[in-house]
């Protein structure tokens, strides 16, 4: 069986952790992207806002094309 997948890039943020930033990004994307398959962490970084860190995660997410 042959399949075709598309890869998109999403970015999540959190004031608690990179894990929560990734979870937030995936949960939000899953509301509009069906049949997500694999998420790959591409980049982790922090930005400072008012002296507090904001965790950011850049993910590549694949999903299967639907007929």
PDB file of N, CA and C in Angstrom:
ATOM      1  N   UNK A   1       0.832  -1.178   0.000  1.00  0.00           N
ATOM      2  CA  UNK A   1       0.000   0.000   0.000  1.00  0.00           C
ATOM      3  C   UNK A   1       0.878   1.244   0.000  1.00  0.00           C
ATOM      4  N   UNK A   2       0.588   2.175  -0.882  1.00  0.00           N
ATOM      5  CA  UNK A   2       1.357   3.406  -0.991  1.00  0.00           C
ATOM      6  C   UNK A   2       0.637   4.532  -0.262  1.00  0.00           C
ATOM      7  N   UNK A   3       1.416   5.413   0.324  1.00  0.00           N
ATOM      8  CA  UNK A   3       0.851   6.553   1.043  1.00  0.00           C
ATOM      9  C   UNK A   3       1.638   7.802   0.698  1.00  0.00           C
ATOM     10  N   UNK A   4       0.998   8.946   0.878  1.00  0.00           N
ATOM     11  CA  UNK A   4       1.638  10.235   0.677  1.00  0.00           C
ATOM     12  C   UNK A   4       1.441  11.049   1.946  1.00  0.00           C
ATOM     13  N   UNK A   5       2.506  11.690   2.401  1.00  0.00           N
ATOM     14  CA  UNK A   5       2.471  12.482   3.620  1.00  0.00           C
ATOM     15  C   UNK A   5       2.946  13.893   3.334  1.00  0.00           C
ATOM     16  N   UNK A   6       2.424  14.831   4.057  1.00  0.00           N
ATOM     17  CA  UNK A   6       2.860  16.227   3.985  1.00  0.00           C
ATOM     18  C   UNK A   6       3.489  16.578   5.329  1.00  0.00           C
ATOM     19  N   UNK A   7       4.494  17.440   5.297  1.00  0.00           N
ATOM     20  CA  UNK A   7       5.163  17.890   6.516  1.00  0.00           C
ATOM     21  C   UNK A   7       4.934  19.389   6.661  1.00  0.00           C
ATOM     22  N   UNK A   8       4.494  19.794   7.856  1.00  0.00           N
ATOM     23  CA  UNK A   8       4.316  21.209   8.159  1.00  0.00           C
ATOM     24  C   UNK A   8       5.171  21.558   9.374  1.00  0.00           C
ATOM     25  N   UNK A   9       5.454  22.834   9.522  1.00  0.00           N
ATOM     26  CA  UNK A   9       6.214  23.297  10.675  1.00  0.00           C
ATOM     27  C   UNK A   9       5.270  24.051  11.607  1.00  0.00           C
ATOM     28  N   UNK A  10       5.325  23.718  12.891  1.00  0.00           N
ATOM     29  CA  UNK A  10       4.538  24.433  13.883  1.00  0.00           C
ATOM     30  C   UNK A  10       5.462  24.854  15.026  1.00  0.00           C
ATOM     31  N   UNK A  11       5.074  25.900  15.739  1.00  0.00           N
ATOM     32  CA  UNK A  11       5.850  26.394  16.868  1.00  0.00           C
ATOM     33  C   UNK A  11       4.921  26.549  18.058  1.00  0.00           C
ATOM     34  N   UNK A  12       5.328  25.983  19.185  1.00  0.00           N
ATOM     35  CA  UNK A  12       4.564  26.105  20.423  1.00  0.00           C
ATOM     36  C   UNK A  12       5.360  26.865  21.462  1.00  0.00           C
ATOM     37  N   UNK A  13       4.638  27.530  22.371  1.00  0.00           N
ATOM     38  CA  UNK A  13       5.299  28.266  23.442  1.00  0.00           C
ATOM     39  C   UNK A  13       4.692  27.893  24.788  1.00  0.00           C
ATOM     40  N   UNK A  14       5.472  28.094  25.837  1.00  0.00           N
ATOM     41  CA  UNK A  14       5.017  27.841  27.199  1.00  0.00           C
ATOM     42  C   UNK A  14       5.883  28.644  28.159  1.00  0.00           C
ATOM     43  N   UNK A  15       5.306  29.012  29.289  1.00  0.00           N
ATOM     44  CA  UNK A  15       6.117  29.664  30.319  1.00  0.00           C
ATOM     45  C   UNK A  15       6.625  28.655  31.348  1.00  0.00           C
ATOM     46  N   UNK A  16       6.337  27.336  31.101  1.00  0.00           N
ATOM     47  CA  UNK A  16       6.726  26.297  32.057  1.00  0.00           C
ATOM     48  C   UNK A  16       7.860  25.396  31.573  1.00  0.00           C
ATOM     49  N   UNK A  17       7.765  24.874  30.318  1.00  0.00           N
ATOM     50  CA  UNK A  17       8.774  23.916  29.845  1.00  0.00           C
ATOM     51  C   UNK A  17       8.677  23.737  28.335  1.00  0.00           C
ATOM     52  N   UNK A  18       9.747  23.147  27.779  1.00  0.00           N
ATOM     53  CA  UNK A  18       9.721  22.804  26.356  1.00  0.00           C
ATOM     54  C   UNK A  18       8.702  21.698  26.097  1.00  0.00           C
ATOM     55  N   UNK A  19       8.575  20.765  27.029  1.00  0.00           N
ATOM     56  CA  UNK A  19       7.608  19.675  26.856  1.00  0.00           C
ATOM     57  C   UNK A  19       6.186  20.216  26.754  1.00  0.00           C
ATOM     58  N   UNK A  20       5.858  21.173  27.608  1.00  0.00           N
ATOM     59  CA  UNK A  20       4.516  21.759  27.550  1.00  0.00           C
ATOM     60  C   UNK A  20       4.326  22.574  26.266  1.00  0.00           C
ATOM     61  N   UNK A  21       5.373  23.230  25.816  1.00  0.00           N
ATOM     62  CA  UNK A  21       5.287  23.976  24.558  1.00  0.00           C
ATOM     63  C   UNK A  21       4.992  23.029  23.397  1.00  0.00           C
ATOM     64  N   UNK A  22       5.663  21.874  23.367  1.00  0.00           N
ATOM     65  CA  UNK A  22       5.421  20.885  22.308  1.00  0.00           C
ATOM     66  C   UNK A  22       4.011  20.321  22.410  1.00  0.00           C
ATOM     67  N   UNK A  23       3.584  19.988  23.621  1.00  0.00           N
ATOM     68  CA  UNK A  23       2.245  19.437  23.826  1.00  0.00           C
ATOM     69  C   UNK A  23       1.177  20.437  23.375  1.00  0.00           C
ATOM     70  N   UNK A  24       1.345  21.691  23.751  1.00  0.00           N
ATOM     71  CA  UNK A  24       0.395  22.728  23.353  1.00  0.00           C
ATOM     72  C   UNK A  24       0.317  22.858  21.841  1.00  0.00           C
ATOM     73  N   UNK A  25       1.475  22.866  21.182  1.00  0.00           N
ATOM     74  CA  UNK A  25       1.509  22.972  19.722  1.00  0.00           C
ATOM     75  C   UNK A  25       0.784  21.804  19.067  1.00  0.00           C
ATOM     76  N   UNK A  26       1.055  20.591  19.532  1.00  0.00           N
ATOM     77  CA  UNK A  26       0.438  19.408  18.932  1.00  0.00           C
ATOM     78  C   UNK A  26      -1.056  19.333  19.208  1.00  0.00           C
ATOM     79  N   UNK A  27      -1.466  19.651  20.424  1.00  0.00           N
ATOM     80  CA  UNK A  27      -2.897  19.623  20.749  1.00  0.00           C
ATOM     81  C   UNK A  27      -3.668  20.658  19.933  1.00  0.00           C
ATOM     82  N   UNK A  28      -3.084  21.831  19.763  1.00  0.00           N
ATOM     83  CA  UNK A  28      -3.746  22.872  18.968  1.00  0.00           C
ATOM     84  C   UNK A  28      -3.810  22.474  17.494  1.00  0.00           C
ATOM     85  N   UNK A  29      -2.697  21.975  16.950  1.00  0.00           N
ATOM     86  CA  UNK A  29      -2.673  21.570  15.539  1.00  0.00           C
ATOM     87  C   UNK A  29      -3.639  20.429  15.272  1.00  0.00           C
ATOM     88  N   UNK A  30      -3.791  19.516  16.232  1.00  0.00           N
ATOM     89  CA  UNK A  30      -4.663  18.357  16.011  1.00  0.00           C
ATOM     90  C   UNK A  30      -6.136  18.748  15.882  1.00  0.00           C
ATOM     91  N   UNK A  31      -6.483  19.959  16.257  1.00  0.00           N
ATOM     92  CA  UNK A  31      -7.861  20.421  16.103  1.00  0.00           C
ATOM     93  C   UNK A  31      -8.208  20.719  14.651  1.00  0.00           C
ATOM     94  N   UNK A  32      -7.182  20.976  13.825  1.00  0.00           N
ATOM     95  CA  UNK A  32      -7.464  21.276  12.422  1.00  0.00           C
ATOM     96  C   UNK A  32      -6.716  20.386  11.431  1.00  0.00           C
ATOM     97  N   UNK A  33      -5.697  19.664  11.890  1.00  0.00           N
ATOM     98  CA  UNK A  33      -4.942  18.757  11.020  1.00  0.00           C
ATOM     99  C   UNK A  33      -5.293  17.334  11.428  1.00  0.00           C
ATOM    100  N   UNK A  34      -5.863  16.591  10.480  1.00  0.00           N
ATOM    101  CA  UNK A  34      -6.261  15.218  10.785  1.00  0.00           C
ATOM    102  C   UNK A  34      -5.147  14.237  10.460  1.00  0.00           C
ATOM    103  N   UNK A  35      -5.139  13.150  11.188  1.00  0.00           N
ATOM    104  CA  UNK A  35      -4.259  12.013  10.917  1.00  0.00           C
ATOM    105  C   UNK A  35      -2.777  12.368  11.010  1.00  0.00           C
ATOM    106  N   UNK A  36      -2.425  13.139  12.059  1.00  0.00           N
ATOM    107  CA  UNK A  36      -1.006  13.439  12.271  1.00  0.00           C
ATOM    108  C   UNK A  36      -0.282  12.143  12.618  1.00  0.00           C
ATOM    109  N   UNK A  37       0.956  12.015  12.126  1.00  0.00           N
ATOM    110  CA  UNK A  37       1.693  10.771  12.303  1.00  0.00           C
ATOM    111  C   UNK A  37       2.931  10.931  13.172  1.00  0.00           C
ATOM    112  N   UNK A  38       3.831  11.828  12.783  1.00  0.00           N
ATOM    113  CA  UNK A  38       5.126  11.945  13.454  1.00  0.00           C
ATOM    114  C   UNK A  38       5.410  13.426  13.703  1.00  0.00           C
ATOM    115  N   UNK A  39       5.945  13.719  14.883  1.00  0.00           N
ATOM    116  CA  UNK A  39       6.406  15.074  15.187  1.00  0.00           C
ATOM    117  C   UNK A  39       7.894  14.987  15.515  1.00  0.00           C
ATOM    118  N   UNK A  40       8.678  15.824  14.875  1.00  0.00           N
ATOM    119  CA  UNK A  40      10.120  15.845  15.095  1.00  0.00           C
ATOM    120  C   UNK A  40      10.516  17.221  15.624  1.00  0.00           C
ATOM    121  N   UNK A  41      11.186  17.238  16.768  1.00  0.00           N
ATOM    122  CA  UNK A  41      11.661  18.502  17.330  1.00  0.00           C
ATOM    123  C   UNK A  41      12.826  18.991  16.470  1.00  0.00           C
ATOM    124  N   UNK A  42      12.676  20.190  15.926  1.00  0.00           N
ATOM    125  CA  UNK A  42      13.712  20.763  15.068  1.00  0.00           C
ATOM    126  C   UNK A  42      14.567  21.782  15.806  1.00  0.00           C
ATOM    127  N   UNK A  43      13.954  22.499  16.763  1.00  0.00           N
ATOM    128  CA  UNK A  43      14.698  23.560  17.434  1.00  0.00           C
ATOM    129  C   UNK A  43      14.053  23.878  18.780  1.00  0.00           C
ATOM    130  N   UNK A  44      14.885  24.117  19.779  1.00  0.00           N
ATOM    131  CA  UNK A  44      14.446  24.585  21.089  1.00  0.00           C
ATOM    132  C   UNK A  44      15.108  25.926  21.339  1.00  0.00           C
ATOM    133  N   UNK A  45      14.349  26.895  21.839  1.00  0.00           N
ATOM    134  CA  UNK A  45      14.974  28.143  22.249  1.00  0.00           C
ATOM    135  C   UNK A  45      14.154  28.797  23.348  1.00  0.00           C
ATOM    136  N   UNK A  46      14.715  29.832  23.903  1.00  0.00           N
ATOM    137  CA  UNK A  46      14.072  30.616  24.957  1.00  0.00           C
ATOM    138  C   UNK A  46      14.066  32.068  24.540  1.00  0.00           C
ATOM    139  N   UNK A  47      13.027  32.762  24.915  1.00  0.00           N
ATOM    140  CA  UNK A  47      13.062  34.213  24.807  1.00  0.00           C
ATOM    141  C   UNK A  47      12.665  34.768  26.157  1.00  0.00           C
ATOM    142  N   UNK A  48      13.170  35.910  26.473  1.00  0.00           N
ATOM    143  CA  UNK A  48      12.891  36.524  27.767  1.00  0.00           C
ATOM    144  C   UNK A  48      11.823  37.593  27.594  1.00  0.00           C
ATOM    145  N   UNK A  49      10.791  37.516  28.423  1.00  0.00           N
ATOM    146  CA  UNK A  49       9.742  38.531  28.451  1.00  0.00           C
ATOM    147  C   UNK A  49       9.574  38.982  29.894  1.00  0.00           C
ATOM    148  N   UNK A  50       9.851  40.245  30.129  1.00  0.00           N
ATOM    149  CA  UNK A  50       9.734  40.824  31.468  1.00  0.00           C
ATOM    150  C   UNK A  50      10.542  40.026  32.496  1.00  0.00           C
ATOM    151  N   UNK A  51      11.731  39.595  32.087  1.00  0.00           N
ATOM    152  CA  UNK A  51      12.627  38.877  32.985  1.00  0.00           C
ATOM    153  C   UNK A  51      12.300  37.413  33.198  1.00  0.00           C
ATOM    154  N   UNK A  52      11.299  36.883  32.495  1.00  0.00           N
ATOM    155  CA  UNK A  52      10.919  35.477  32.646  1.00  0.00           C
ATOM    156  C   UNK A  52      11.102  34.744  31.322  1.00  0.00           C
ATOM    157  N   UNK A  53      11.544  33.479  31.390  1.00  0.00           N
ATOM    158  CA  UNK A  53      11.763  32.728  30.143  1.00  0.00           C
ATOM    159  C   UNK A  53      10.453  32.234  29.529  1.00  0.00           C
ATOM    160  N   UNK A  54      10.398  32.292  28.216  1.00  0.00           N
ATOM    161  CA  UNK A  54       9.322  31.683  27.430  1.00  0.00           C
ATOM    162  C   UNK A  54       9.976  30.585  26.596  1.00  0.00           C
ATOM    163  N   UNK A  55       9.554  29.347  26.822  1.00  0.00           N
ATOM    164  CA  UNK A  55      10.102  28.191  26.117  1.00  0.00           C
ATOM    165  C   UNK A  55       9.413  28.075  24.757  1.00  0.00           C
ATOM    166  N   UNK A  56      10.222  27.894  23.709  1.00  0.00           N
ATOM    167  CA  UNK A  56       9.669  27.752  22.364  1.00  0.00           C
ATOM    168  C   UNK A  56      10.209  26.474  21.722  1.00  0.00           C
ATOM    169  N   UNK A  57       9.323  25.755  21.056  1.00  0.00           N
ATOM    170  CA  UNK A  57       9.680  24.515  20.367  1.00  0.00           C
ATOM    171  C   UNK A  57       9.209  24.607  18.922  1.00  0.00           C
ATOM    172  N   UNK A  58      10.119  24.334  17.994  1.00  0.00           N
ATOM    173  CA  UNK A  58       9.768  24.268  16.581  1.00  0.00           C
ATOM    174  C   UNK A  58       9.695  22.801  16.208  1.00  0.00           C
ATOM    175  N   UNK A  59       8.554  22.375  15.642  1.00  0.00           N
ATOM    176  CA  UNK A  59       8.317  20.972  15.301  1.00  0.00           C
ATOM    177  C   UNK A  59       7.996  20.826  13.824  1.00  0.00           C
ATOM    178  N   UNK A  60       8.493  19.762  13.211  1.00  0.00           N
ATOM    179  CA  UNK A  60       8.013  19.322  11.905  1.00  0.00           C
ATOM    180  C   UNK A  60       7.017  18.201  12.174  1.00  0.00           C
ATOM    181  N   UNK A  61       5.819  18.338  11.636  1.00  0.00           N
ATOM    182  CA  UNK A  61       4.752  17.367  11.871  1.00  0.00           C
ATOM    183  C   UNK A  61       4.286  16.813  10.536  1.00  0.00           C
ATOM    184  N   UNK A  62       4.215  15.485  10.447  1.00  0.00           N
ATOM    185  CA  UNK A  62       3.723  14.873   9.208  1.00  0.00           C
ATOM    186  C   UNK A  62       2.290  14.379   9.409  1.00  0.00           C
ATOM    187  N   UNK A  63       1.538  14.448   8.317  1.00  0.00           N
ATOM    188  CA  UNK A  63       0.188  13.900   8.327  1.00  0.00           C
ATOM    189  C   UNK A  63      -0.094  13.293   6.963  1.00  0.00           C
ATOM    190  N   UNK A  64      -0.995  12.331   6.958  1.00  0.00           N
ATOM    191  CA  UNK A  64      -1.315  11.583   5.756  1.00  0.00           C
ATOM    192  C   UNK A  64      -2.376  12.312   4.941  1.00  0.00           C
ATOM    193  N   UNK A  65      -2.145  12.403   3.625  1.00  0.00           N
ATOM    194  CA  UNK A  65      -3.156  12.963   2.738  1.00  0.00           C
ATOM    195  C   UNK A  65      -4.381  12.071   2.745  1.00  0.00           C
ATOM    196  N   UNK A  66      -5.545  12.663   2.758  1.00  0.00           N
ATOM    197  CA  UNK A  66      -6.805  11.932   2.722  1.00  0.00           C
ATOM    198  C   UNK A  66      -7.364  11.918   1.309  1.00  0.00           C
ATOM    199  N   UNK A  67      -8.001  10.832   0.944  1.00  0.00           N
ATOM    200  CA  UNK A  67      -8.660  10.763  -0.384  1.00  0.00           C
ATOM    201  C   UNK A  67      -9.950  11.528  -0.376  1.00  0.00           C
TER     202      UNK A  67
END
